[in-house]
């Protein structure tokens, strides 16, 4: 067995598969078991993917254009409209939505 299959990575809002006593379980984003009794990894992965797709639909996660630079990025949900690059720049005091001076030039 390859060791990578046993690593559980709980990303924000993501379901995961974990090996437990020779079988596999599916964990919700909070680390709680939501499905168990899988003998093979592929079936647990399929269940995880179905649960994640449902959660992504509800949260409206997915590819979205950045409101600042228009590049497409993986959004965490309807509340997440700015790509990580623009969000970082914005946290440094740069305002991507600053008002332009007369004549259309940034101020």
N, C-alpha and C. Protein backbone atom coordinates (compact mmCIF):
# COMPACT_ATOMS: atom_id res chain seq x y z
N UNK A 1 0.84 -1.19 0.00
CA UNK A 1 0.00 0.00 0.00
C UNK A 1 0.87 1.24 0.00
N UNK A 2 0.41 2.25 -0.66
CA UNK A 2 1.18 3.48 -0.73
C UNK A 2 0.77 4.40 0.42
N UNK A 3 1.74 4.98 1.09
CA UNK A 3 1.52 5.78 2.29
C UNK A 3 0.67 7.02 2.05
N UNK A 4 0.65 7.52 0.82
CA UNK A 4 -0.11 8.73 0.53
C UNK A 4 -1.60 8.52 0.73
N UNK A 5 -2.07 7.31 0.58
CA UNK A 5 -3.50 7.04 0.75
C UNK A 5 -3.95 7.21 2.19
N UNK A 6 -3.04 7.14 3.13
CA UNK A 6 -3.40 7.19 4.54
C UNK A 6 -3.32 8.60 5.11
N UNK A 7 -2.88 9.54 4.32
CA UNK A 7 -2.79 10.92 4.78
C UNK A 7 -4.16 11.56 4.68
N UNK A 8 -4.60 12.17 5.77
CA UNK A 8 -5.88 12.86 5.77
C UNK A 8 -5.59 14.35 5.75
N UNK A 9 -6.12 15.02 4.77
CA UNK A 9 -5.93 16.45 4.65
C UNK A 9 -7.29 17.12 4.72
N UNK A 10 -7.54 17.84 5.79
CA UNK A 10 -8.81 18.53 5.94
C UNK A 10 -8.63 20.00 5.57
N UNK A 11 -8.89 20.30 4.30
CA UNK A 11 -8.85 21.68 3.85
C UNK A 11 -10.15 22.33 4.25
N UNK A 12 -10.16 23.61 4.30
CA UNK A 12 -11.35 24.35 4.66
C UNK A 12 -12.51 23.95 3.76
N UNK A 13 -13.56 23.39 4.36
CA UNK A 13 -14.74 23.01 3.60
C UNK A 13 -14.60 21.75 2.77
N UNK A 14 -13.64 20.90 3.05
CA UNK A 14 -13.40 19.71 2.23
C UNK A 14 -13.63 18.43 3.01
N UNK A 15 -14.19 17.44 2.35
CA UNK A 15 -14.36 16.10 2.91
C UNK A 15 -13.07 15.31 2.68
N UNK A 16 -12.82 14.29 3.49
CA UNK A 16 -11.59 13.51 3.39
C UNK A 16 -11.88 12.03 3.63
N UNK A 17 -10.96 11.18 3.18
CA UNK A 17 -11.04 9.73 3.40
C UNK A 17 -9.92 9.35 4.36
N UNK A 18 -10.24 8.47 5.31
CA UNK A 18 -9.23 8.02 6.28
C UNK A 18 -9.31 6.51 6.42
N UNK A 19 -8.14 5.87 6.54
CA UNK A 19 -8.05 4.43 6.75
C UNK A 19 -8.20 4.17 8.25
N UNK A 20 -9.18 3.30 8.58
CA UNK A 20 -9.42 2.98 9.99
C UNK A 20 -9.60 1.47 10.11
N UNK A 21 -8.69 0.81 10.83
CA UNK A 21 -8.77 -0.63 11.08
C UNK A 21 -9.05 -1.47 9.83
N UNK A 22 -8.29 -1.24 8.81
CA UNK A 22 -8.41 -2.05 7.60
C UNK A 22 -9.52 -1.64 6.66
N UNK A 23 -10.29 -0.64 7.01
CA UNK A 23 -11.35 -0.13 6.14
C UNK A 23 -11.18 1.38 5.97
N UNK A 24 -12.16 1.99 5.37
CA UNK A 24 -12.07 3.43 5.12
C UNK A 24 -13.35 4.11 5.59
N UNK A 25 -13.20 5.33 6.08
CA UNK A 25 -14.32 6.16 6.47
C UNK A 25 -14.21 7.50 5.75
N UNK A 26 -15.32 8.22 5.63
CA UNK A 26 -15.32 9.55 5.05
C UNK A 26 -15.58 10.53 6.19
N UNK A 27 -14.73 11.56 6.25
CA UNK A 27 -14.84 12.58 7.29
C UNK A 27 -15.38 13.88 6.70
N UNK A 28 -16.22 14.56 7.46
CA UNK A 28 -16.69 15.87 7.01
C UNK A 28 -15.60 16.91 7.28
N UNK A 29 -15.79 18.16 6.86
CA UNK A 29 -14.76 19.17 7.05
C UNK A 29 -14.36 19.42 8.52
N UNK A 30 -15.20 18.99 9.46
CA UNK A 30 -14.91 19.16 10.88
C UNK A 30 -14.24 17.93 11.49
N UNK A 31 -13.98 16.91 10.66
CA UNK A 31 -13.32 15.70 11.13
C UNK A 31 -14.26 14.63 11.68
N UNK A 32 -15.56 14.83 11.52
CA UNK A 32 -16.54 13.84 11.99
C UNK A 32 -16.79 12.79 10.91
N UNK A 33 -16.98 11.54 11.33
CA UNK A 33 -17.26 10.45 10.39
C UNK A 33 -18.69 10.61 9.87
N UNK A 34 -18.84 10.67 8.54
CA UNK A 34 -20.16 10.80 7.93
C UNK A 34 -20.54 9.58 7.09
N UNK A 35 -19.58 8.72 6.79
CA UNK A 35 -19.84 7.48 6.06
C UNK A 35 -18.75 6.48 6.43
N UNK A 36 -19.15 5.23 6.70
CA UNK A 36 -18.16 4.23 7.10
C UNK A 36 -18.48 2.88 6.49
N UNK A 37 -17.57 1.93 6.68
CA UNK A 37 -17.78 0.58 6.20
C UNK A 37 -17.29 0.31 4.79
N UNK A 38 -16.40 1.15 4.28
CA UNK A 38 -15.86 0.94 2.94
C UNK A 38 -14.65 0.02 3.02
N UNK A 39 -14.66 -1.02 2.19
CA UNK A 39 -13.56 -1.99 2.16
C UNK A 39 -12.44 -1.49 1.26
N UNK A 40 -12.79 -0.82 0.18
CA UNK A 40 -11.74 -0.33 -0.71
C UNK A 40 -11.75 1.19 -0.80
N UNK A 41 -10.59 1.72 -1.07
CA UNK A 41 -10.37 3.17 -1.11
C UNK A 41 -11.19 3.84 -2.20
N UNK A 42 -11.34 3.20 -3.35
CA UNK A 42 -12.04 3.80 -4.49
C UNK A 42 -13.50 4.10 -4.15
N UNK A 43 -14.17 3.21 -3.44
CA UNK A 43 -15.57 3.45 -3.07
C UNK A 43 -15.68 4.59 -2.06
N UNK A 44 -14.75 4.65 -1.13
CA UNK A 44 -14.74 5.76 -0.16
C UNK A 44 -14.47 7.08 -0.88
N UNK A 45 -13.55 7.07 -1.84
CA UNK A 45 -13.26 8.27 -2.63
C UNK A 45 -14.51 8.73 -3.38
N UNK A 46 -15.23 7.79 -3.96
CA UNK A 46 -16.44 8.13 -4.72
C UNK A 46 -17.49 8.78 -3.81
N UNK A 47 -17.67 8.23 -2.62
CA UNK A 47 -18.62 8.80 -1.66
C UNK A 47 -18.17 10.20 -1.23
N UNK A 48 -16.86 10.35 -0.95
CA UNK A 48 -16.32 11.66 -0.58
C UNK A 48 -16.57 12.68 -1.69
N UNK A 49 -16.33 12.27 -2.93
CA UNK A 49 -16.52 13.18 -4.06
C UNK A 49 -17.98 13.60 -4.21
N UNK A 50 -18.91 12.66 -4.00
CA UNK A 50 -20.35 13.00 -4.07
C UNK A 50 -20.73 13.99 -2.98
N UNK A 51 -20.28 13.72 -1.74
CA UNK A 51 -20.58 14.62 -0.64
C UNK A 51 -19.97 16.00 -0.87
N UNK A 52 -18.73 16.03 -1.39
CA UNK A 52 -18.07 17.31 -1.65
C UNK A 52 -18.79 18.09 -2.74
N UNK A 53 -19.23 17.40 -3.79
CA UNK A 53 -19.96 18.07 -4.88
C UNK A 53 -21.25 18.69 -4.36
N UNK A 54 -21.96 17.97 -3.50
CA UNK A 54 -23.19 18.51 -2.91
C UNK A 54 -22.89 19.75 -2.07
N UNK A 55 -21.85 19.67 -1.24
CA UNK A 55 -21.47 20.81 -0.39
C UNK A 55 -21.03 22.00 -1.24
N UNK A 56 -20.28 21.74 -2.32
CA UNK A 56 -19.83 22.82 -3.19
C UNK A 56 -21.01 23.50 -3.88
N UNK A 57 -22.01 22.73 -4.26
CA UNK A 57 -23.20 23.29 -4.90
C UNK A 57 -23.93 24.20 -3.92
N UNK A 58 -24.11 23.73 -2.70
CA UNK A 58 -24.80 24.52 -1.69
C UNK A 58 -24.02 25.80 -1.38
N UNK A 59 -22.70 25.69 -1.24
CA UNK A 59 -21.86 26.85 -0.91
C UNK A 59 -21.53 27.70 -2.13
N UNK A 60 -21.92 27.23 -3.31
CA UNK A 60 -21.61 27.89 -4.58
C UNK A 60 -20.11 28.06 -4.77
N UNK A 61 -19.36 26.99 -4.39
CA UNK A 61 -17.91 26.96 -4.61
C UNK A 61 -17.63 26.62 -6.05
N UNK A 62 -16.47 27.02 -6.51
CA UNK A 62 -16.06 26.65 -7.86
C UNK A 62 -15.25 27.76 -8.51
N UNK A 63 -15.06 27.64 -9.80
CA UNK A 63 -14.30 28.63 -10.56
C UNK A 63 -15.12 29.92 -10.63
N UNK A 64 -14.43 31.05 -10.42
CA UNK A 64 -15.11 32.34 -10.43
C UNK A 64 -14.11 33.39 -10.89
N UNK A 65 -14.55 34.41 -11.63
CA UNK A 65 -13.63 35.47 -12.01
C UNK A 65 -13.41 36.44 -10.85
N UNK A 66 -12.20 36.89 -10.67
CA UNK A 66 -11.86 37.86 -9.62
C UNK A 66 -12.51 39.20 -9.95
N UNK A 67 -13.11 39.86 -8.94
CA UNK A 67 -13.75 41.15 -9.18
C UNK A 67 -12.74 42.26 -9.41
N UNK A 68 -11.48 41.99 -9.12
CA UNK A 68 -10.45 43.01 -9.27
C UNK A 68 -9.67 42.86 -10.58
N UNK A 69 -9.16 41.65 -10.84
CA UNK A 69 -8.30 41.45 -12.02
C UNK A 69 -8.96 40.61 -13.12
N UNK A 70 -10.10 40.01 -12.83
CA UNK A 70 -10.88 39.19 -13.77
C UNK A 70 -10.27 37.83 -14.07
N UNK A 71 -9.13 37.47 -13.42
CA UNK A 71 -8.58 36.13 -13.60
C UNK A 71 -9.46 35.11 -12.88
N UNK A 72 -9.58 33.92 -13.44
CA UNK A 72 -10.38 32.86 -12.84
C UNK A 72 -9.60 32.21 -11.71
N UNK A 73 -10.29 31.94 -10.58
CA UNK A 73 -9.66 31.29 -9.43
C UNK A 73 -10.67 30.36 -8.77
N UNK A 74 -10.20 29.48 -7.88
CA UNK A 74 -11.07 28.56 -7.15
C UNK A 74 -11.67 29.29 -5.96
N UNK A 75 -12.93 29.66 -6.07
CA UNK A 75 -13.63 30.39 -5.02
C UNK A 75 -14.11 29.45 -3.93
N UNK A 76 -14.07 29.89 -2.68
CA UNK A 76 -14.55 29.10 -1.55
C UNK A 76 -16.06 29.22 -1.38
N UNK A 77 -16.70 30.12 -2.11
CA UNK A 77 -18.14 30.30 -2.01
C UNK A 77 -18.55 31.67 -2.49
N UNK A 78 -19.83 31.96 -2.37
CA UNK A 78 -20.39 33.21 -2.87
C UNK A 78 -19.73 34.43 -2.23
N UNK A 79 -19.24 34.27 -1.00
CA UNK A 79 -18.60 35.37 -0.28
C UNK A 79 -17.18 35.66 -0.78
N UNK A 80 -16.59 34.74 -1.52
CA UNK A 80 -15.20 34.82 -1.95
C UNK A 80 -15.13 35.24 -3.41
N UNK A 81 -14.97 36.56 -3.65
CA UNK A 81 -15.01 37.10 -5.01
C UNK A 81 -13.67 37.62 -5.50
N UNK A 82 -12.67 37.66 -4.61
CA UNK A 82 -11.37 38.21 -4.98
C UNK A 82 -10.32 37.11 -4.92
N UNK A 83 -9.48 37.01 -5.95
CA UNK A 83 -8.44 35.98 -5.99
C UNK A 83 -7.42 36.21 -4.87
N UNK A 84 -6.67 35.17 -4.49
CA UNK A 84 -5.69 35.33 -3.41
C UNK A 84 -4.64 36.42 -3.67
N UNK A 85 -4.23 36.60 -4.91
CA UNK A 85 -3.22 37.62 -5.23
C UNK A 85 -3.77 39.02 -4.95
N UNK A 86 -4.97 39.30 -5.44
CA UNK A 86 -5.57 40.62 -5.22
C UNK A 86 -5.92 40.82 -3.75
N UNK A 87 -6.36 39.75 -3.08
CA UNK A 87 -6.69 39.86 -1.65
C UNK A 87 -5.43 40.22 -0.85
N UNK A 88 -4.30 39.63 -1.20
CA UNK A 88 -3.05 39.93 -0.52
C UNK A 88 -2.64 41.38 -0.77
N UNK A 89 -2.74 41.82 -2.01
CA UNK A 89 -2.40 43.20 -2.34
C UNK A 89 -3.32 44.16 -1.59
N UNK A 90 -4.60 43.82 -1.48
CA UNK A 90 -5.57 44.66 -0.80
C UNK A 90 -5.26 44.76 0.69
N UNK A 91 -4.73 43.67 1.28
CA UNK A 91 -4.40 43.69 2.71
C UNK A 91 -3.19 44.58 2.99
N UNK A 92 -2.40 44.89 1.97
CA UNK A 92 -1.25 45.77 2.12
C UNK A 92 -1.61 47.24 1.93
N UNK A 93 -2.89 47.53 1.82
CA UNK A 93 -3.33 48.90 1.67
C UNK A 93 -3.62 49.31 0.24
N UNK A 94 -3.32 48.44 -0.73
CA UNK A 94 -3.62 48.74 -2.12
C UNK A 94 -5.11 48.55 -2.34
N UNK A 95 -5.77 49.51 -2.92
CA UNK A 95 -7.21 49.42 -3.14
C UNK A 95 -7.50 49.15 -4.61
N UNK A 96 -7.90 47.92 -4.96
CA UNK A 96 -8.16 47.60 -6.36
C UNK A 96 -9.41 48.30 -6.89
N UNK A 97 -10.20 48.88 -6.02
CA UNK A 97 -11.45 49.54 -6.42
C UNK A 97 -11.36 51.05 -6.21
N UNK A 98 -10.13 51.54 -6.18
CA UNK A 98 -9.93 52.98 -5.98
C UNK A 98 -10.59 53.78 -7.10
N UNK A 99 -10.97 55.00 -6.76
CA UNK A 99 -11.63 55.86 -7.74
C UNK A 99 -10.60 56.48 -8.67
N UNK A 100 -10.95 56.58 -9.92
CA UNK A 100 -10.08 57.22 -10.90
C UNK A 100 -10.30 58.73 -10.87
N UNK A 101 -9.24 59.48 -11.12
CA UNK A 101 -9.38 60.95 -11.23
C UNK A 101 -10.05 61.28 -12.55
N UNK A 102 -10.41 62.51 -12.69
CA UNK A 102 -11.00 62.96 -13.97
C UNK A 102 -10.01 62.65 -15.09
N UNK A 103 -10.50 62.23 -16.18
CA UNK A 103 -9.65 61.87 -17.31
C UNK A 103 -9.34 60.38 -17.31
N UNK A 104 -9.85 59.63 -16.31
CA UNK A 104 -9.71 58.20 -16.28
C UNK A 104 -8.39 57.66 -15.74
N UNK A 105 -7.54 58.53 -15.21
CA UNK A 105 -6.26 58.07 -14.69
C UNK A 105 -6.37 57.83 -13.19
N UNK A 106 -5.77 56.75 -12.70
CA UNK A 106 -5.84 56.44 -11.27
C UNK A 106 -5.21 57.57 -10.44
N UNK A 107 -5.77 57.73 -9.24
CA UNK A 107 -5.28 58.79 -8.35
C UNK A 107 -4.34 58.31 -7.41
